[in-house]
């Protein structure tokens, strides 16, 4: 890299203030790039600005899509919304048409859904639809494959009835017991498919819909909809803040409608959510309960811990996800996570790409803490 190119890049990074020490002058397209960066990351006195109008924002959105790759555009959009408070401008149709849609934008639109004016409702739904369709294309097949594979392994048994025997796998497993003199195989091991049941495992996703968990709610809703389409799983989706809403009946509907049924923001009452969810657990030994929350409890902490211990003691596979998102280590209540871990309830953050494998491990009754260690996922540690 040439010296001039190094100076150019440092000039764009540092912004051209007197303190940057570069003294380099930008020309041509670099001036527009600098203005795009200054609008979000510069001081108020710098020339770049999104002002308070949708035309300025729409123009800026078009510029950054021209100058930066999609992954960078999404980060800049998110930063602009958070730093400059542009939520209201996102309710303008021309702005939504120009925006690079991603999961963070969907979370913002869901948060603002009650403020969306009539002229923008259709555009907002189209934006959410684009993101949902993209997520379904990316996540649905891995989820189906992982869960279906785990379910197929789970329904095989070693003491099958005659009409349940998988003859192909049984013969293959017993070839070493072939008796040449009798020209037959002794089936010491019999492998069967197991009896068909309407539901092999029950899954309850209990999702914190406070503002800090916004992207986790979006991903949880997508995964819940996929799992609900698998006949061997009985899937329930419960979302909560200080109130509890059961969205299970909406899982077979349009995922976009499901997301617009979520109310992001508000406080957090995990204890109330656990109390409701506990009533849904009818077969503890066959149930996987996933609490997705940062564990900042606004209700009764003592009762919440007692209820979590009760669910765990019933034989339910209890997992706590501190976040279900693409980001790194989330903000969460470390003290509470440690107490969950001390009760034998694994607590860790999980990315959407890891979630299908996590559910497959839970269905296969693997040790989730050991699974997380293999995946190099850092889990919360219980206090000695």
Protein backbone atom coordinates (compact mmCIF):
# COMPACT_ATOMS: atom_id res chain seq x y z
CA UNK A 1 0.00 0.00 0.00
CA UNK A 2 1.39 3.39 -1.00
CA UNK A 3 2.01 6.23 1.45
CA UNK A 4 -0.67 8.34 -0.24
CA UNK A 5 -3.23 5.53 0.13
CA UNK A 6 -2.36 5.16 3.82
CA UNK A 7 -2.85 8.90 4.33
CA UNK A 8 -6.16 8.78 2.44
CA UNK A 9 -7.50 5.99 4.66
CA UNK A 10 -6.35 7.63 7.87
CA UNK A 11 -7.91 10.90 6.71
CA UNK A 12 -11.27 9.15 6.21
CA UNK A 13 -10.99 7.39 9.58
CA UNK A 14 -9.97 10.45 11.60
CA UNK A 15 -12.31 12.86 9.89
CA UNK A 16 -10.05 15.75 8.98
CA UNK A 17 -10.13 17.70 12.22
CA UNK A 18 -7.02 19.67 13.09
CA UNK A 19 -6.05 17.10 15.70
CA UNK A 20 -5.83 14.25 13.20
CA UNK A 21 -2.26 15.18 12.26
CA UNK A 22 -2.70 14.11 8.62
CA UNK A 23 -3.18 17.36 6.81
CA UNK A 24 -4.32 15.44 3.74
CA UNK A 25 -6.92 16.79 1.31
CA UNK A 26 -9.61 14.58 -0.18
CA UNK A 27 -10.73 14.84 -3.78
CA UNK A 28 -13.53 13.59 -5.97
CA UNK A 29 -15.60 10.68 -4.66
CA UNK A 30 -13.67 10.61 -1.38
CA UNK A 31 -15.32 13.90 -0.42
CA UNK A 32 -18.78 12.28 -0.61
CA UNK A 33 -17.54 9.26 1.34
CA UNK A 34 -16.18 11.59 4.02
CA UNK A 35 -19.52 13.39 4.23
CA UNK A 36 -21.34 10.06 4.65
CA UNK A 37 -19.09 9.13 7.55
CA UNK A 38 -19.21 12.61 9.09
CA UNK A 39 -23.01 12.61 9.16
CA UNK A 40 -23.00 9.81 11.74
CA UNK A 41 -19.56 9.68 13.32
CA UNK A 42 -18.47 13.32 13.18
CA UNK A 43 -18.98 16.23 15.56
CA UNK A 44 -21.98 18.51 15.06
CA UNK A 45 -19.74 21.27 13.66
CA UNK A 46 -18.59 19.09 10.79
CA UNK A 47 -20.18 19.64 7.40
CA UNK A 48 -21.94 16.26 7.10
CA UNK A 49 -25.47 16.09 8.49
CA UNK A 50 -28.70 14.15 8.12
CA UNK A 51 -30.55 17.15 9.50
CA UNK A 52 -34.12 16.37 10.48
CA UNK A 53 -35.68 15.57 7.15
CA UNK A 54 -36.48 12.39 5.29
CA UNK A 55 -35.04 13.66 1.94
CA UNK A 56 -31.62 14.14 3.53
CA UNK A 57 -31.77 10.71 5.16
CA UNK A 58 -32.97 9.02 1.96
CA UNK A 59 -30.11 10.64 0.03
CA UNK A 60 -27.61 9.53 2.67
CA UNK A 61 -28.96 5.97 2.55
CA UNK A 62 -28.49 5.94 -1.20
CA UNK A 63 -24.95 7.27 -0.90
CA UNK A 64 -23.73 4.72 1.62
CA UNK A 65 -25.14 1.89 -0.48
CA UNK A 66 -23.11 3.25 -3.39
CA UNK A 67 -19.84 3.56 -1.48
CA UNK A 68 -19.86 0.71 1.04
CA UNK A 69 -20.59 -3.05 0.98
CA UNK A 70 -23.91 -4.32 2.36
CA UNK A 71 -22.45 -5.53 5.67
CA UNK A 72 -20.98 -2.07 6.35
CA UNK A 73 -24.20 -0.35 5.26
CA UNK A 74 -26.17 -2.27 7.86
CA UNK A 75 -23.76 -1.26 10.63
CA UNK A 76 -23.86 2.41 9.57
CA UNK A 77 -27.68 2.40 9.44
CA UNK A 78 -27.89 0.91 12.92
CA UNK A 79 -25.41 3.47 14.26
CA UNK A 80 -27.30 6.33 12.62
CA UNK A 81 -30.58 5.27 14.20
CA UNK A 82 -29.00 4.90 17.64
CA UNK A 83 -26.73 7.99 17.58
CA UNK A 84 -29.03 10.46 15.84
CA UNK A 85 -32.46 9.25 16.96
CA UNK A 86 -33.87 8.73 13.48
CA UNK A 87 -36.69 6.37 14.44
CA UNK A 88 -39.42 8.80 13.39
CA UNK A 89 -37.87 9.31 9.95
CA UNK A 90 -38.07 5.55 9.39
CA UNK A 91 -41.82 5.98 9.26
CA UNK A 92 -41.51 7.83 5.94
CA UNK A 93 -42.14 5.62 2.86
CA UNK A 94 -39.28 7.14 0.83
CA UNK A 95 -36.84 6.38 3.65
CA UNK A 96 -37.97 2.78 4.03
CA UNK A 97 -37.70 2.29 0.28
CA UNK A 98 -34.04 3.35 0.42
CA UNK A 99 -32.99 1.49 3.55
CA UNK A 100 -30.89 -1.70 3.60
CA UNK A 101 -33.24 -4.05 5.42
CA UNK A 102 -31.81 -6.28 8.14
CA UNK A 103 -32.87 -7.88 11.41
CA UNK A 104 -32.09 -4.71 13.42
CA UNK A 105 -34.36 -2.65 11.19
CA UNK A 106 -37.14 -5.22 11.60
CA UNK A 107 -36.78 -4.98 15.37
CA UNK A 108 -37.00 -1.17 15.15
CA UNK A 109 -40.12 -1.28 12.95
CA UNK A 110 -41.80 -3.74 15.31
CA UNK A 111 -41.00 -1.45 18.22
CA UNK A 112 -42.55 1.49 16.36
CA UNK A 113 -45.48 -0.40 14.84
CA UNK A 114 -48.13 1.54 16.77
CA UNK A 115 -46.69 4.82 15.45
CA UNK A 116 -46.56 3.80 11.79
CA UNK A 117 -48.88 6.09 9.79
CA UNK A 118 -51.33 4.59 7.33
CA UNK A 119 -49.31 5.75 4.30
CA UNK A 120 -46.28 3.77 5.53
CA UNK A 121 -47.87 0.53 6.79
CA UNK A 122 -47.62 -1.32 3.47
CA UNK A 123 -44.01 -0.23 2.96
CA UNK A 124 -43.10 -1.29 6.49
CA UNK A 125 -44.62 -4.74 5.95
CA UNK A 126 -42.75 -5.09 2.66
CA UNK A 127 -39.46 -4.30 4.42
CA UNK A 128 -40.18 -6.85 7.14
CA UNK A 129 -41.23 -9.35 4.47
CA UNK A 130 -37.88 -9.00 2.66
CA UNK A 131 -35.94 -9.72 5.85
CA UNK A 132 -38.19 -12.59 6.95
CA UNK A 133 -37.98 -14.26 3.53
CA UNK A 134 -34.20 -13.93 3.59
CA UNK A 135 -33.97 -15.39 7.09
CA UNK A 136 -36.26 -18.28 6.16
CA UNK A 137 -34.09 -19.09 3.14
CA UNK A 138 -30.95 -19.01 5.27
CA UNK A 139 -32.18 -20.72 8.44
CA UNK A 140 -35.11 -22.99 7.60
CA UNK A 141 -33.25 -25.84 5.89
CA UNK A 142 -30.42 -26.14 8.47
CA UNK A 143 -33.05 -26.13 11.22
CA UNK A 144 -35.13 -28.83 9.54
CA UNK A 145 -32.12 -31.03 8.81
CA UNK A 146 -30.65 -30.77 12.30
CA UNK A 147 -33.92 -31.34 14.14
CA UNK A 148 -35.21 -34.06 11.80
CA UNK A 149 -31.93 -35.95 12.07
CA UNK A 150 -32.05 -35.80 15.86
CA UNK A 151 -35.69 -36.91 15.87
CA UNK A 152 -34.93 -39.86 13.59
CA UNK A 153 -32.18 -40.99 15.93
CA UNK A 154 -34.41 -40.51 18.93
CA UNK A 155 -37.24 -42.71 17.65
CA UNK A 156 -35.00 -45.73 16.99
CA UNK A 157 -34.99 -48.25 19.80
CA UNK A 158 -33.11 -51.42 20.66
CA UNK A 159 -36.12 -53.45 21.80
CA UNK A 160 -38.53 -53.07 18.88
CA UNK A 161 -41.64 -55.08 18.31
CA UNK A 162 -41.73 -57.24 15.20
CA UNK A 163 -43.58 -54.66 13.12
CA UNK A 164 -41.18 -51.92 14.28
CA UNK A 165 -37.90 -53.56 13.21
CA UNK A 166 -35.73 -51.68 10.73
CA UNK A 167 -34.49 -54.80 8.91
CA UNK A 168 -31.89 -53.07 6.78
CA UNK A 169 -30.13 -51.49 9.78
CA UNK A 170 -30.60 -54.63 11.89
CA UNK A 171 -28.91 -56.88 9.29
CA UNK A 172 -26.09 -54.39 8.82
CA UNK A 173 -25.50 -54.19 12.58
CA UNK A 174 -25.35 -58.00 12.91
CA UNK A 175 -23.20 -59.04 9.93
CA UNK A 176 -20.40 -59.97 12.31
CA UNK A 177 -22.72 -62.61 13.78
CA UNK A 178 -23.17 -64.46 10.48
CA UNK A 179 -23.21 -68.25 10.96
CA UNK A 180 -21.80 -69.91 7.78
CA UNK A 181 -22.89 -73.43 8.73
CA UNK A 182 -26.47 -72.27 9.14
CA UNK A 183 -26.28 -69.62 6.46
CA UNK A 184 -28.00 -67.13 8.68
CA UNK A 185 -27.36 -64.12 10.89
CA UNK A 186 -27.96 -64.14 14.63
CA UNK A 187 -29.70 -60.83 15.39
CA UNK A 188 -28.13 -60.05 18.75
CA UNK A 189 -28.94 -56.38 18.18
CA UNK A 190 -32.35 -55.37 16.87
CA UNK A 191 -32.88 -51.83 15.65
CA UNK A 192 -36.35 -50.42 15.28
CA UNK A 193 -38.03 -47.22 14.21
CA UNK A 194 -40.16 -47.07 17.32
CA UNK A 195 -43.87 -46.47 17.56
CA UNK A 196 -45.30 -43.50 15.77
CA UNK A 197 -46.48 -40.72 18.01
CA UNK A 198 -48.14 -37.41 17.27
CA UNK A 199 -45.37 -35.60 19.15
CA UNK A 200 -41.99 -37.00 20.09
CA UNK A 201 -40.74 -33.95 21.99
CA UNK A 202 -42.34 -30.78 23.31
CA UNK A 203 -40.53 -27.46 22.92
CA UNK A 204 -41.40 -24.26 24.76
CA UNK A 205 -39.60 -21.07 23.73
CA UNK A 206 -40.07 -18.38 26.38
CA UNK A 207 -38.72 -15.11 24.97
CA UNK A 208 -38.02 -11.82 26.73
CA UNK A 209 -39.41 -9.04 24.51
CA UNK A 210 -37.89 -6.12 26.40
CA UNK A 211 -36.08 -3.64 24.17
CA UNK A 212 -32.60 -5.10 24.73
CA UNK A 213 -33.73 -8.49 23.35
CA UNK A 214 -35.17 -7.16 20.08
CA UNK A 215 -33.12 -9.18 17.57
CA UNK A 216 -33.47 -12.30 19.74
CA UNK A 217 -37.26 -12.00 19.42
CA UNK A 218 -37.05 -11.83 15.64
CA UNK A 219 -34.82 -14.91 15.34
CA UNK A 220 -36.83 -16.84 17.96
CA UNK A 221 -40.05 -16.23 16.06
CA UNK A 222 -38.53 -17.53 12.82
CA UNK A 223 -37.17 -20.68 14.46
CA UNK A 224 -40.40 -21.30 16.35
CA UNK A 225 -42.35 -21.13 13.08
CA UNK A 226 -39.99 -23.67 11.46
CA UNK A 227 -40.18 -26.08 14.42
CA UNK A 228 -43.97 -25.76 14.54
CA UNK A 229 -44.09 -27.15 10.99
CA UNK A 230 -42.42 -30.41 12.12
CA UNK A 231 -45.11 -32.93 13.16
CA UNK A 232 -42.80 -34.75 15.60
CA UNK A 233 -42.38 -31.56 17.65
CA UNK A 234 -45.04 -29.76 19.65
CA UNK A 235 -43.81 -26.16 19.76
CA UNK A 236 -45.07 -23.29 21.91
CA UNK A 237 -43.90 -19.67 21.73
CA UNK A 238 -44.39 -17.41 24.74
CA UNK A 239 -43.19 -13.79 24.78
CA UNK A 240 -43.15 -11.54 27.81
CA UNK A 241 -42.24 -8.21 29.35
CA UNK A 242 -44.27 -7.39 32.46
CA UNK A 243 -47.14 -9.28 30.82
CA UNK A 244 -47.16 -12.67 29.10
CA UNK A 245 -48.48 -13.36 25.59
CA UNK A 246 -48.84 -16.85 24.12
CA UNK A 247 -48.23 -16.70 20.37
CA UNK A 248 -48.38 -20.46 19.83
CA UNK A 249 -51.59 -20.33 17.79
CA UNK A 250 -49.94 -17.90 15.37
CA UNK A 251 -46.97 -20.16 14.59
CA UNK A 252 -48.75 -21.75 11.61
CA UNK A 253 -49.63 -18.37 10.13
CA UNK A 254 -47.54 -15.89 8.14
CA UNK A 255 -44.25 -15.21 10.03
CA UNK A 256 -44.67 -11.51 9.25
CA UNK A 257 -48.01 -11.48 11.07
CA UNK A 258 -46.36 -13.35 13.91
CA UNK A 259 -43.68 -10.67 14.27
CA UNK A 260 -46.22 -7.87 14.19
CA UNK A 261 -47.93 -9.64 17.09
CA UNK A 262 -44.87 -8.99 19.24
CA UNK A 263 -44.69 -5.86 21.39
CA UNK A 264 -41.04 -4.93 21.93
CA UNK A 265 -40.04 -2.76 24.86
CA UNK A 266 -41.30 -2.40 28.41
CA UNK A 267 -40.15 -4.00 31.64
CA UNK A 268 -39.34 -7.60 32.50
CA UNK A 269 -41.12 -10.10 34.75
CA UNK A 270 -39.36 -13.43 34.22
CA UNK A 271 -41.08 -14.97 37.24
CA UNK A 272 -44.53 -14.42 35.72
CA UNK A 273 -43.35 -15.85 32.38
CA UNK A 274 -41.96 -18.96 34.07
CA UNK A 275 -45.20 -19.41 36.00
CA UNK A 276 -47.22 -19.33 32.77
CA UNK A 277 -44.80 -21.56 30.90
CA UNK A 278 -44.74 -24.12 33.70
CA UNK A 279 -48.45 -24.71 33.10
CA UNK A 280 -47.65 -25.63 29.48
CA UNK A 281 -45.24 -28.39 30.48
CA UNK A 282 -47.35 -31.57 30.54
CA UNK A 283 -44.57 -34.11 29.86
CA UNK A 284 -41.48 -32.87 31.70
CA UNK A 285 -39.25 -35.77 30.64
CA UNK A 286 -40.07 -35.07 27.00
CA UNK A 287 -39.95 -31.26 27.15
CA UNK A 288 -37.21 -28.84 26.12
CA UNK A 289 -37.71 -25.44 27.74
CA UNK A 290 -35.64 -22.56 26.32
CA UNK A 291 -35.68 -19.26 28.20
CA UNK A 292 -34.25 -16.46 26.03
CA UNK A 293 -33.50 -13.51 28.28
CA UNK A 294 -30.71 -11.31 29.58
CA UNK A 295 -31.97 -12.29 33.07
CA UNK A 296 -32.41 -8.73 34.32
CA UNK A 297 -35.46 -9.46 36.47
CA UNK A 298 -37.89 -6.67 37.26
CA UNK A 299 -40.14 -8.93 39.31
CA UNK A 300 -39.53 -11.19 42.30
CA UNK A 301 -36.01 -12.64 41.95
CA UNK A 302 -36.43 -15.12 44.81
CA UNK A 303 -39.65 -16.60 43.42
CA UNK A 304 -38.15 -16.59 39.93
CA UNK A 305 -35.20 -18.70 41.03
CA UNK A 306 -37.48 -21.09 42.95
CA UNK A 307 -39.69 -21.52 39.90
CA UNK A 308 -36.70 -22.12 37.61
CA UNK A 309 -35.40 -24.75 40.05
CA UNK A 310 -38.84 -26.39 40.10
CA UNK A 311 -38.97 -26.64 36.30
CA UNK A 312 -35.47 -28.11 36.26
CA UNK A 313 -36.28 -30.59 39.06
CA UNK A 314 -39.35 -31.84 37.19
CA UNK A 315 -37.08 -33.46 34.60
CA UNK A 316 -37.49 -30.77 31.93
CA UNK A 317 -34.44 -29.96 29.77
CA UNK A 318 -33.99 -26.31 30.78
CA UNK A 319 -31.68 -24.07 28.71
CA UNK A 320 -31.14 -20.33 29.08
CA UNK A 321 -29.98 -18.31 26.11
CA UNK A 322 -28.70 -14.89 27.15
CA UNK A 323 -29.10 -13.77 23.53
CA UNK A 324 -30.03 -15.30 20.18
CA UNK A 325 -28.31 -12.90 17.82
CA UNK A 326 -25.33 -12.37 15.53
CA UNK A 327 -23.60 -10.08 18.02
CA UNK A 328 -20.89 -11.18 20.42
CA UNK A 329 -21.09 -11.33 24.21
CA UNK A 330 -24.40 -9.73 25.28
CA UNK A 331 -25.20 -7.53 28.26
CA UNK A 332 -26.79 -9.74 30.88
CA UNK A 333 -27.11 -10.18 34.64
CA UNK A 334 -23.95 -12.14 35.45
CA UNK A 335 -25.04 -12.75 39.03
CA UNK A 336 -28.35 -14.29 37.96
CA UNK A 337 -26.74 -16.31 35.16
CA UNK A 338 -24.31 -17.78 37.70
CA UNK A 339 -27.20 -18.81 39.95
CA UNK A 340 -28.93 -20.51 37.01
CA UNK A 341 -25.71 -22.35 36.19
CA UNK A 342 -25.40 -23.44 39.81
CA UNK A 343 -28.83 -25.10 39.47
CA UNK A 344 -27.59 -27.06 36.45
CA UNK A 345 -29.29 -24.77 33.92
CA UNK A 346 -26.81 -23.91 31.12
CA UNK A 347 -26.71 -20.18 30.37
CA UNK A 348 -24.92 -18.79 27.31
CA UNK A 349 -25.37 -16.68 24.20
CA UNK A 350 -26.08 -18.41 20.90
CA UNK A 351 -25.92 -17.27 17.28
CA UNK A 352 -28.70 -18.11 14.82
CA UNK A 353 -26.30 -20.38 12.94
CA UNK A 354 -25.65 -22.39 16.13
CA UNK A 355 -29.27 -22.68 17.24
CA UNK A 356 -30.27 -25.65 14.99
CA UNK A 357 -27.35 -27.71 16.34
CA UNK A 358 -28.30 -26.72 19.89
CA UNK A 359 -31.86 -27.96 19.43
CA UNK A 360 -30.61 -31.17 17.81
CA UNK A 361 -28.34 -31.78 20.81
CA UNK A 362 -31.23 -31.16 23.21
CA UNK A 363 -33.54 -33.52 21.30
CA UNK A 364 -30.80 -36.18 21.38
CA UNK A 365 -30.52 -35.65 25.16
CA UNK A 366 -26.88 -34.60 24.97
CA UNK A 367 -25.22 -32.78 27.83
CA UNK A 368 -25.76 -29.17 26.71
CA UNK A 369 -22.85 -27.83 28.74
CA UNK A 370 -20.54 -30.35 27.05
CA UNK A 371 -22.06 -29.45 23.67
CA UNK A 372 -21.37 -25.76 24.30
CA UNK A 373 -17.78 -26.55 25.25
CA UNK A 374 -17.28 -28.45 21.95
CA UNK A 375 -18.71 -25.45 20.10
CA UNK A 376 -16.32 -23.19 22.05
CA UNK A 377 -19.25 -21.27 23.52
CA UNK A 378 -18.52 -19.55 26.84
CA UNK A 379 -21.16 -20.47 29.40
CA UNK A 380 -21.99 -18.82 32.70
CA UNK A 381 -20.36 -20.43 35.73
CA UNK A 382 -22.19 -21.27 38.92
CA UNK A 383 -20.87 -20.01 42.23
CA UNK A 384 -19.13 -22.60 44.39
